[in-house]
Structure formats: structure tokens, C-alpha cells
Amino acid sequence: MFKKLLALFKSTPEKKSTQQPTKKKTSKPKIESTRIGKLGEHKINIQLDQLPKDCRHLNDLLDPNPKSRTGYS
């Protein structure tokens, strides 16, 4: 049974065909990166609120990053 389960994850070689492949259009909507960032910040803030009140935290800091497109992380 374990071998059958592993067989599901193995890739099989594709057969070459003479026909041109058709492009599949997916209707999956893209989520904007700003929305993803806001959701992540919200989740972190929930966790930080659970810390004891004598703990302090900083948020919305920008670190210089020359490899980034904007120059900051």
C-alpha cells in the first residue's frame, strides 16, 4: 500500500505528440501582494497582543536591502 501511495507522487514521462499543446486558461484570481502583506501583519499583531504587557515590540520598520527592488525590506 505504501508503494502505491508513493507512486502517486512520482512524475511520469510525458508522451511527445505531433499536435501543438493547447494553453489552459485558469480563472483563479490573483491576490494582490499588498493584501497578503496586510493579512500577515494582522496575524503577527494578534500573536504580539498575547505577550505580557511589560513586553514591547516595534513594527513597520524598514531595513536597507540593496538586493531589493525598492532598496528596503
C-alpha atoms as a PDB file:
ATOM      1  CA  MET A   1       0.000   0.000   0.000  1.00  0.00           C
ATOM      2  CA  PHE A   2       2.894   2.357   0.790  1.00  0.00           C
ATOM      3  CA  LYS A   3       4.348   1.782  -2.676  1.00  0.00           C
ATOM      4  CA  LYS A   4       1.029   2.727  -4.267  1.00  0.00           C
ATOM      5  CA  LEU A   5       0.953   5.932  -2.252  1.00  0.00           C
ATOM      6  CA  LEU A   6       4.487   6.832  -3.324  1.00  0.00           C
ATOM      7  CA  ALA A   7       3.599   6.092  -6.940  1.00  0.00           C
ATOM      8  CA  LEU A   8       1.082   8.945  -6.823  1.00  0.00           C
ATOM      9  CA  PHE A   9       3.860  11.468  -6.233  1.00  0.00           C
ATOM     10  CA  LYS A  10       6.266  10.179  -8.884  1.00  0.00           C
ATOM     11  CA  SER A  11       6.223  12.044 -12.157  1.00  0.00           C
ATOM     12  CA  THR A  12       5.606  10.088 -15.297  1.00  0.00           C
ATOM     13  CA  PRO A  13       7.380  10.948 -18.548  1.00  0.00           C
ATOM     14  CA  GLU A  14       5.141  12.810 -20.949  1.00  0.00           C
ATOM     15  CA  LYS A  15       4.490  11.382 -24.386  1.00  0.00           C
ATOM     16  CA  LYS A  16       5.544  13.539 -27.301  1.00  0.00           C
ATOM     17  CA  SER A  17       2.729  14.396 -29.636  1.00  0.00           C
ATOM     18  CA  THR A  18       2.720  15.989 -33.041  1.00  0.00           C
ATOM     19  CA  GLN A  19      -0.125  18.330 -32.104  1.00  0.00           C
ATOM     20  CA  GLN A  20       0.586  21.693 -30.551  1.00  0.00           C
ATOM     21  CA  PRO A  21      -0.344  21.846 -26.884  1.00  0.00           C
ATOM     22  CA  THR A  22      -3.359  23.943 -26.040  1.00  0.00           C
ATOM     23  CA  LYS A  23      -2.991  26.648 -23.457  1.00  0.00           C
ATOM     24  CA  LYS A  24      -5.122  26.198 -20.402  1.00  0.00           C
ATOM     25  CA  LYS A  25      -6.693  29.314 -19.009  1.00  0.00           C
ATOM     26  CA  THR A  26      -7.283  29.312 -15.304  1.00  0.00           C
ATOM     27  CA  SER A  27      -9.871  31.557 -13.777  1.00  0.00           C
ATOM     28  CA  LYS A  28      -8.083  31.609 -10.431  1.00  0.00           C
ATOM     29  CA  PRO A  29      -7.971  35.232  -9.260  1.00  0.00           C
ATOM     30  CA  LYS A  30      -4.629  36.643  -8.187  1.00  0.00           C
ATOM     31  CA  ILE A  31      -4.381  38.050  -4.692  1.00  0.00           C
ATOM     32  CA  GLU A  32      -2.514  41.321  -4.555  1.00  0.00           C
ATOM     33  CA  SER A  33       0.748  41.258  -2.650  1.00  0.00           C
ATOM     34  CA  THR A  34      -0.335  44.245  -0.553  1.00  0.00           C
ATOM     35  CA  ARG A  35      -3.354  42.296   0.665  1.00  0.00           C
ATOM     36  CA  ILE A  36      -1.162  39.315   1.531  1.00  0.00           C
ATOM     37  CA  GLY A  37       1.192  41.619   3.447  1.00  0.00           C
ATOM     38  CA  LYS A  38      -1.676  43.145   5.400  1.00  0.00           C
ATOM     39  CA  LEU A  39      -3.020  39.714   6.318  1.00  0.00           C
ATOM     40  CA  GLY A  40       0.417  38.641   7.531  1.00  0.00           C
ATOM     41  CA  GLU A  41       0.816  41.776   9.633  1.00  0.00           C
ATOM     42  CA  HIS A  42      -2.624  41.218  11.141  1.00  0.00           C
ATOM     43  CA  LYS A  43      -1.746  37.654  12.145  1.00  0.00           C
ATOM     44  CA  ILE A  44       1.523  38.782  13.737  1.00  0.00           C
ATOM     45  CA  ASN A  45      -0.239  41.577  15.639  1.00  0.00           C
ATOM     46  CA  ILE A  46      -2.686  39.060  17.097  1.00  0.00           C
ATOM     47  CA  GLN A  47       0.239  36.975  18.362  1.00  0.00           C
ATOM     48  CA  LEU A  48       2.082  40.020  19.729  1.00  0.00           C
ATOM     49  CA  ASP A  49      -1.013  41.115  21.638  1.00  0.00           C
ATOM     50  CA  GLN A  50      -0.821  37.849  23.577  1.00  0.00           C
ATOM     51  CA  LEU A  51       2.597  38.740  25.030  1.00  0.00           C
ATOM     52  CA  PRO A  52       2.766  40.079  28.597  1.00  0.00           C
ATOM     53  CA  LYS A  53       2.066  43.807  28.874  1.00  0.00           C
ATOM     54  CA  ASP A  54       5.616  44.616  30.045  1.00  0.00           C
ATOM     55  CA  CYS A  55       6.992  43.395  26.658  1.00  0.00           C
ATOM     56  CA  ARG A  56       7.434  45.922  23.871  1.00  0.00           C
ATOM     57  CA  HIS A  57       7.624  45.414  20.146  1.00  0.00           C
ATOM     58  CA  LEU A  58       8.340  47.554  17.101  1.00  0.00           C
ATOM     59  CA  ASN A  59       6.501  47.325  13.801  1.00  0.00           C
ATOM     60  CA  ASP A  60       6.623  48.938  10.364  1.00  0.00           C
ATOM     61  CA  LEU A  61      10.421  49.135  10.296  1.00  0.00           C
ATOM     62  CA  LEU A  62      12.310  49.372   7.011  1.00  0.00           C
ATOM     63  CA  ASP A  63      15.763  47.813   6.807  1.00  0.00           C
ATOM     64  CA  PRO A  64      18.093  48.802   3.968  1.00  0.00           C
ATOM     65  CA  ASN A  65      18.393  45.960   1.460  1.00  0.00           C
ATOM     66  CA  PRO A  66      20.365  46.717  -1.716  1.00  0.00           C
ATOM     67  CA  LYS A  67      19.152  43.478  -3.348  1.00  0.00           C
ATOM     68  CA  SER A  68      15.503  44.525  -3.065  1.00  0.00           C
ATOM     69  CA  ARG A  69      13.634  46.293  -5.840  1.00  0.00           C
ATOM     70  CA  THR A  70      12.752  49.209  -3.548  1.00  0.00           C
ATOM     71  CA  GLY A  71      16.026  49.171  -1.609  1.00  0.00           C
ATOM     72  CA  TYR A  72      14.341  48.209   1.659  1.00  0.00           C
ATOM     73  CA  SER A  73      12.938  45.119   3.349  1.00  0.00           C
END
